[in-house]
Amino acid sequence: MRFKPLNDRIIIKRYKDEYVDDNPEVARIAREGIIKLPDTSETLLKKRASYGEIISWGDKCRYKDQYKVGQKIAFAQFAFTKFEGFEDDIIAIKEDDLHGFVFND
């Protein structure tokens, strides 16, 4: 299945979020999914920034000449639309919610 975003949307394959906590045992339990934590537990566990890689972008993106397929990016944690029915975790964000590119130097 192919998907072409409209306007200023960017399609991203999202990486799994990692949980961090001062207590390594709590972080391990959350990461392994041993217990289900409620969504309101943000005060107990802090999420790192969300990361993913670019799959496609819309025609009206202002900086579309800077995007490349497969480029790793960081984006706003809760500012996305999730699509069901794909093998991977595919989401769409607005171009303004893109924080920056990730480089492994």
N, C-alpha and C. Protein backbone atom coordinates (compact mmCIF):
# COMPACT_ATOMS: atom_id res chain seq x y z
N MET A 1 0.84 -1.17 0.00
CA MET A 1 0.00 0.00 0.00
C MET A 1 0.89 1.24 0.00
N ARG A 2 0.55 2.21 -0.83
CA ARG A 2 1.29 3.47 -0.90
C ARG A 2 0.45 4.57 -0.28
N PHE A 3 1.14 5.59 0.24
CA PHE A 3 0.47 6.69 0.92
C PHE A 3 1.19 7.98 0.57
N LYS A 4 0.49 8.95 0.01
CA LYS A 4 1.08 10.25 -0.33
C LYS A 4 0.42 11.32 0.54
N PRO A 5 1.19 12.00 1.38
CA PRO A 5 0.62 13.03 2.25
C PRO A 5 0.24 14.29 1.48
N LEU A 6 -0.70 15.03 2.03
CA LEU A 6 -1.15 16.28 1.44
C LEU A 6 -0.56 17.47 2.17
N ASN A 7 -0.48 18.58 1.49
CA ASN A 7 -0.08 19.88 2.04
C ASN A 7 1.26 19.81 2.77
N ASP A 8 1.27 20.19 4.06
CA ASP A 8 2.54 20.29 4.80
C ASP A 8 2.72 19.11 5.77
N ARG A 9 2.19 17.96 5.43
CA ARG A 9 2.31 16.77 6.28
C ARG A 9 3.54 15.95 5.90
N ILE A 10 4.14 15.32 6.90
CA ILE A 10 5.28 14.43 6.70
C ILE A 10 4.90 13.07 7.25
N ILE A 11 5.13 12.01 6.48
CA ILE A 11 4.85 10.65 6.90
C ILE A 11 6.12 10.05 7.48
N ILE A 12 5.98 9.47 8.68
CA ILE A 12 7.13 8.98 9.43
C ILE A 12 6.89 7.55 9.90
N LYS A 13 7.94 6.75 9.86
CA LYS A 13 7.94 5.45 10.52
C LYS A 13 8.51 5.70 11.92
N ARG A 14 7.64 5.62 12.91
CA ARG A 14 8.03 5.99 14.28
C ARG A 14 8.78 4.86 14.95
N TYR A 15 9.85 5.23 15.66
CA TYR A 15 10.58 4.26 16.47
C TYR A 15 9.85 4.11 17.79
N LYS A 16 10.02 2.99 18.43
CA LYS A 16 9.38 2.74 19.72
C LYS A 16 9.95 3.70 20.77
N ASP A 17 9.04 4.33 21.53
CA ASP A 17 9.48 5.26 22.58
C ASP A 17 10.17 4.50 23.70
N GLU A 18 11.17 5.14 24.26
CA GLU A 18 11.89 4.56 25.38
C GLU A 18 11.51 5.30 26.65
N TYR A 19 11.36 4.57 27.72
CA TYR A 19 11.03 5.18 29.00
C TYR A 19 12.28 5.28 29.86
N VAL A 20 12.38 6.38 30.58
CA VAL A 20 13.49 6.57 31.50
C VAL A 20 12.92 6.96 32.85
N ASP A 21 13.63 6.61 33.89
CA ASP A 21 13.20 6.93 35.23
C ASP A 21 14.44 6.89 36.11
N ASP A 22 14.40 7.57 37.24
CA ASP A 22 15.53 7.54 38.16
C ASP A 22 15.75 6.14 38.72
N ASN A 23 14.68 5.39 38.85
CA ASN A 23 14.76 4.03 39.35
C ASN A 23 14.87 3.08 38.15
N PRO A 24 16.02 2.42 37.96
CA PRO A 24 16.18 1.56 36.78
C PRO A 24 15.22 0.38 36.75
N GLU A 25 14.76 -0.09 37.90
CA GLU A 25 13.83 -1.21 37.94
C GLU A 25 12.47 -0.80 37.38
N VAL A 26 12.00 0.40 37.69
CA VAL A 26 10.73 0.90 37.14
C VAL A 26 10.84 1.07 35.64
N ALA A 27 11.96 1.59 35.16
CA ALA A 27 12.15 1.76 33.72
C ALA A 27 12.19 0.41 33.02
N ARG A 28 12.81 -0.59 33.61
CA ARG A 28 12.88 -1.93 33.01
C ARG A 28 11.49 -2.54 32.92
N ILE A 29 10.71 -2.42 33.97
CA ILE A 29 9.35 -2.99 33.99
C ILE A 29 8.49 -2.32 32.92
N ALA A 30 8.58 -1.00 32.79
CA ALA A 30 7.78 -0.29 31.79
C ALA A 30 8.24 -0.66 30.38
N ARG A 31 9.55 -0.76 30.18
CA ARG A 31 10.09 -1.07 28.87
C ARG A 31 9.69 -2.47 28.41
N GLU A 32 9.72 -3.43 29.30
CA GLU A 32 9.41 -4.82 28.95
C GLU A 32 7.92 -5.09 28.92
N GLY A 33 7.10 -4.15 29.37
CA GLY A 33 5.66 -4.33 29.30
C GLY A 33 5.13 -5.32 30.32
N ILE A 34 5.84 -5.49 31.42
CA ILE A 34 5.40 -6.43 32.46
C ILE A 34 4.12 -5.93 33.10
N ILE A 35 4.04 -4.62 33.31
CA ILE A 35 2.81 -4.04 33.85
C ILE A 35 2.34 -2.94 32.90
N LYS A 36 1.07 -2.71 32.88
CA LYS A 36 0.50 -1.64 32.04
C LYS A 36 0.34 -0.40 32.90
N LEU A 37 1.02 0.65 32.52
CA LEU A 37 0.95 1.90 33.26
C LEU A 37 -0.14 2.79 32.67
N PRO A 38 -0.93 3.47 33.49
CA PRO A 38 -1.95 4.37 32.95
C PRO A 38 -1.32 5.55 32.25
N ASP A 39 -2.08 6.16 31.34
CA ASP A 39 -1.58 7.31 30.59
C ASP A 39 -1.26 8.50 31.49
N THR A 40 -1.85 8.54 32.66
CA THR A 40 -1.63 9.67 33.57
C THR A 40 -0.35 9.51 34.37
N SER A 41 0.43 8.49 34.10
CA SER A 41 1.65 8.26 34.88
C SER A 41 2.84 9.05 34.36
N GLU A 42 2.59 10.09 33.60
CA GLU A 42 3.67 10.91 33.06
C GLU A 42 4.52 11.53 34.17
N THR A 43 3.97 11.71 35.35
CA THR A 43 4.77 12.26 36.44
C THR A 43 5.74 11.22 36.96
N LEU A 44 5.42 9.94 36.81
CA LEU A 44 6.31 8.88 37.28
C LEU A 44 7.40 8.55 36.27
N LEU A 45 7.01 8.45 35.03
CA LEU A 45 7.96 8.13 33.96
C LEU A 45 8.00 9.29 32.98
N LYS A 46 9.19 9.62 32.54
CA LYS A 46 9.34 10.67 31.56
C LYS A 46 9.71 10.02 30.24
N LYS A 47 9.07 10.45 29.15
CA LYS A 47 9.41 9.93 27.85
C LYS A 47 10.47 10.81 27.23
N ARG A 48 11.36 10.18 26.53
CA ARG A 48 12.32 10.95 25.74
C ARG A 48 11.59 11.50 24.52
N ALA A 49 12.28 12.32 23.76
CA ALA A 49 11.68 12.84 22.53
C ALA A 49 11.34 11.69 21.60
N SER A 50 10.33 11.86 20.78
CA SER A 50 9.95 10.83 19.83
C SER A 50 10.85 10.92 18.60
N TYR A 51 11.23 9.76 18.09
CA TYR A 51 12.11 9.69 16.93
C TYR A 51 11.50 8.81 15.87
N GLY A 52 11.94 8.99 14.64
CA GLY A 52 11.49 8.17 13.54
C GLY A 52 12.29 8.48 12.30
N GLU A 53 11.85 7.91 11.18
CA GLU A 53 12.50 8.21 9.91
C GLU A 53 11.47 8.59 8.87
N ILE A 54 11.86 9.49 8.00
CA ILE A 54 10.96 10.04 6.99
C ILE A 54 10.67 9.00 5.92
N ILE A 55 9.39 8.88 5.58
CA ILE A 55 8.97 8.02 4.49
C ILE A 55 8.58 8.86 3.28
N SER A 56 7.82 9.95 3.52
CA SER A 56 7.33 10.80 2.43
C SER A 56 6.93 12.17 2.99
N TRP A 57 6.73 13.14 2.12
CA TRP A 57 6.30 14.47 2.55
C TRP A 57 5.39 15.07 1.50
N GLY A 58 4.57 16.03 1.94
CA GLY A 58 3.60 16.67 1.06
C GLY A 58 4.23 17.71 0.14
N ASP A 59 3.45 18.14 -0.86
CA ASP A 59 3.95 19.09 -1.86
C ASP A 59 4.15 20.50 -1.31
N LYS A 60 3.44 20.87 -0.25
CA LYS A 60 3.52 22.24 0.26
C LYS A 60 4.47 22.39 1.44
N CYS A 61 5.33 21.40 1.71
CA CYS A 61 6.34 21.54 2.77
C CYS A 61 7.34 22.62 2.34
N ARG A 62 7.60 23.55 3.24
CA ARG A 62 8.49 24.66 2.92
C ARG A 62 9.93 24.22 2.70
N TYR A 63 10.38 23.23 3.45
CA TYR A 63 11.79 22.82 3.40
C TYR A 63 11.94 21.44 2.77
N LYS A 64 11.06 21.10 1.83
CA LYS A 64 11.06 19.75 1.26
C LYS A 64 12.37 19.40 0.54
N ASP A 65 13.14 20.40 0.12
CA ASP A 65 14.42 20.11 -0.52
C ASP A 65 15.46 19.60 0.49
N GLN A 66 15.19 19.75 1.81
CA GLN A 66 16.11 19.27 2.84
C GLN A 66 15.78 17.86 3.31
N TYR A 67 14.60 17.32 2.97
CA TYR A 67 14.18 16.00 3.44
C TYR A 67 14.67 14.92 2.51
N LYS A 68 15.04 13.78 3.11
CA LYS A 68 15.43 12.60 2.35
C LYS A 68 14.71 11.40 2.94
N VAL A 69 14.33 10.46 2.10
CA VAL A 69 13.70 9.23 2.58
C VAL A 69 14.71 8.48 3.45
N GLY A 70 14.25 8.05 4.62
CA GLY A 70 15.11 7.31 5.55
C GLY A 70 15.87 8.18 6.52
N GLN A 71 15.76 9.51 6.39
CA GLN A 71 16.46 10.42 7.29
C GLN A 71 15.85 10.36 8.68
N LYS A 72 16.68 10.28 9.72
CA LYS A 72 16.20 10.19 11.10
C LYS A 72 15.87 11.58 11.61
N ILE A 73 14.72 11.69 12.31
CA ILE A 73 14.27 12.98 12.82
C ILE A 73 13.74 12.85 14.23
N ALA A 74 13.64 13.98 14.91
CA ALA A 74 12.98 14.10 16.21
C ALA A 74 11.76 14.99 16.00
N PHE A 75 10.65 14.64 16.66
CA PHE A 75 9.41 15.39 16.44
C PHE A 75 8.63 15.50 17.73
N ALA A 76 7.61 16.37 17.72
CA ALA A 76 6.78 16.62 18.90
C ALA A 76 6.12 15.32 19.35
N GLN A 77 6.14 15.10 20.63
CA GLN A 77 5.74 13.82 21.21
C GLN A 77 4.29 13.45 20.97
N PHE A 78 3.35 14.37 21.11
CA PHE A 78 1.94 14.03 20.99
C PHE A 78 1.25 14.69 19.80
N ALA A 79 2.02 15.23 18.86
CA ALA A 79 1.43 15.97 17.74
C ALA A 79 1.47 15.14 16.46
N PHE A 80 0.74 14.03 16.45
CA PHE A 80 0.74 13.21 15.25
C PHE A 80 -0.59 12.50 15.09
N THR A 81 -0.81 11.98 13.89
CA THR A 81 -1.97 11.15 13.58
C THR A 81 -1.45 9.77 13.25
N LYS A 82 -1.97 8.76 13.92
CA LYS A 82 -1.50 7.39 13.72
C LYS A 82 -2.39 6.70 12.71
N PHE A 83 -1.78 5.87 11.85
CA PHE A 83 -2.51 5.11 10.85
C PHE A 83 -2.49 3.64 11.20
N GLU A 84 -3.65 3.03 11.23
CA GLU A 84 -3.77 1.60 11.50
C GLU A 84 -3.72 0.82 10.19
N GLY A 85 -3.39 -0.44 10.28
CA GLY A 85 -3.40 -1.30 9.11
C GLY A 85 -2.07 -1.43 8.41
N PHE A 86 -1.03 -0.80 8.93
CA PHE A 86 0.30 -0.93 8.38
C PHE A 86 1.13 -1.83 9.29
N GLU A 87 2.14 -2.50 8.73
CA GLU A 87 2.99 -3.36 9.54
C GLU A 87 3.78 -2.55 10.56
N ASP A 88 4.29 -1.42 10.14
CA ASP A 88 5.08 -0.57 11.03
C ASP A 88 4.21 0.49 11.67
N ASP A 89 4.78 1.22 12.61
CA ASP A 89 4.09 2.31 13.28
C ASP A 89 4.20 3.55 12.40
N ILE A 90 3.21 3.78 11.52
CA ILE A 90 3.24 4.87 10.56
C ILE A 90 2.39 6.02 11.09
N ILE A 91 2.96 7.23 11.10
CA ILE A 91 2.26 8.41 11.60
C ILE A 91 2.45 9.57 10.62
N ALA A 92 1.61 10.60 10.77
CA ALA A 92 1.73 11.83 9.99
C ALA A 92 1.85 12.99 10.97
N ILE A 93 2.77 13.91 10.69
CA ILE A 93 2.92 15.11 11.50
C ILE A 93 2.91 16.32 10.57
N LYS A 94 2.62 17.48 11.15
CA LYS A 94 2.76 18.73 10.40
C LYS A 94 4.24 19.09 10.37
N GLU A 95 4.62 19.80 9.34
CA GLU A 95 6.02 20.18 9.20
C GLU A 95 6.50 21.02 10.39
N ASP A 96 5.61 21.83 10.96
CA ASP A 96 5.98 22.68 12.10
C ASP A 96 6.29 21.88 13.36
N ASP A 97 5.82 20.63 13.44
CA ASP A 97 6.07 19.79 14.62
C ASP A 97 7.38 19.01 14.53
N LEU A 98 8.11 19.20 13.45
CA LEU A 98 9.41 18.57 13.28
C LEU A 98 10.44 19.38 14.06
N HIS A 99 11.15 18.73 15.00
CA HIS A 99 12.13 19.44 15.82
C HIS A 99 13.50 19.53 15.16
N GLY A 100 13.90 18.47 14.51
CA GLY A 100 15.22 18.51 13.86
C GLY A 100 15.65 17.15 13.36
N PHE A 101 16.79 17.14 12.71
CA PHE A 101 17.35 15.91 12.16
C PHE A 101 18.31 15.29 13.17
N VAL A 102 18.40 13.97 13.14
CA VAL A 102 19.27 13.24 14.07
C VAL A 102 20.47 12.72 13.26
N PHE A 103 21.67 13.03 13.73
CA PHE A 103 22.90 12.58 13.07
C PHE A 103 23.69 11.73 14.06
N ASN A 104 24.26 10.65 13.56
CA ASN A 104 25.11 9.79 14.37
C ASN A 104 26.56 10.04 14.01
N ASP A 105 27.18 10.97 14.69
CA ASP A 105 28.59 11.30 14.40
C ASP A 105 29.52 10.65 15.38
